[in-house]
Protein backbone atom coordinates (compact mmCIF):
# COMPACT_ATOMS: atom_id res chain seq x y z
CA MET A 1 2.08 12.82 26.18
CA VAL A 2 0.01 9.65 26.08
CA GLN A 3 -3.41 8.96 27.56
CA GLY A 4 -4.85 5.49 27.98
CA LYS A 5 -5.67 2.72 30.42
CA VAL A 6 -3.50 -0.24 31.40
CA GLU A 7 -4.90 -3.45 32.92
CA ASP A 8 -2.67 -6.34 33.93
CA GLY A 9 0.27 -4.61 32.25
CA GLN A 10 -1.51 -4.39 28.87
CA PRO A 11 -2.99 -1.33 27.15
CA VAL A 12 -6.79 -1.54 26.87
CA GLY A 13 -9.52 0.69 25.50
CA TYR A 14 -9.11 4.04 23.80
CA TRP A 15 -5.64 5.68 23.67
CA GLU A 16 -4.37 9.04 22.42
CA TRP A 17 -0.85 10.31 21.68
CA TYR A 18 -0.02 14.02 21.59
CA ARG A 19 2.81 16.09 20.15
CA LEU A 20 4.93 18.33 22.37
CA ASP A 21 2.84 21.34 21.27
CA GLY A 22 -0.32 19.61 22.57
CA THR A 23 -1.92 18.68 19.23
CA ILE A 24 -3.19 15.15 18.88
CA LYS A 25 -0.92 12.85 16.85
CA ARG A 26 -2.64 9.43 16.88
CA SER A 27 -5.60 7.67 18.44
CA GLY A 28 -6.89 4.13 18.54
CA HIS A 29 -8.13 1.21 20.61
CA PHE A 30 -6.42 -1.72 22.27
CA ASN A 31 -7.93 -5.04 23.31
CA ALA A 32 -5.72 -6.98 25.76
CA GLY A 33 -2.59 -5.26 24.41
CA GLU A 34 -3.43 -5.68 20.71
CA ALA A 35 -4.22 -2.72 18.46
CA VAL A 36 -7.75 -3.19 17.06
CA GLY A 37 -10.27 -1.31 14.98
CA GLU A 38 -9.83 2.12 13.50
CA TRP A 39 -6.58 4.03 14.16
CA ILE A 40 -6.34 7.67 13.17
CA THR A 41 -3.17 9.65 12.46
CA TYR A 42 -3.55 13.43 12.61
CA ASP A 43 -1.68 16.22 10.82
CA GLN A 44 0.13 19.08 12.58
CA LYS A 45 -3.12 21.05 12.90
CA GLY A 46 -5.10 18.14 14.36
CA GLY A 47 -6.96 17.24 11.17
CA VAL A 48 -7.29 13.63 10.05
CA TYR A 49 -4.28 12.64 7.94
CA LYS A 50 -4.71 8.85 7.65
CA VAL A 51 -7.10 6.15 8.88
CA THR A 52 -5.84 2.59 9.33
CA HIS A 53 -7.94 -0.45 10.22
CA ARG A 54 -6.24 -2.96 12.50
CA GLY A 55 -7.31 -6.56 13.11
């Protein structure tokens, strides 16, 4: 499952991706369709696994 907002066909704002079991997998922000800022990847239990900074 994915949660986020689309404007003019582009992802914008905060987005979250979830595994089939409902735990969060990844989260991050988009600006006009481009990944920006801090992106977090989560482990199987929902704890922070990795943090990536995008332009």
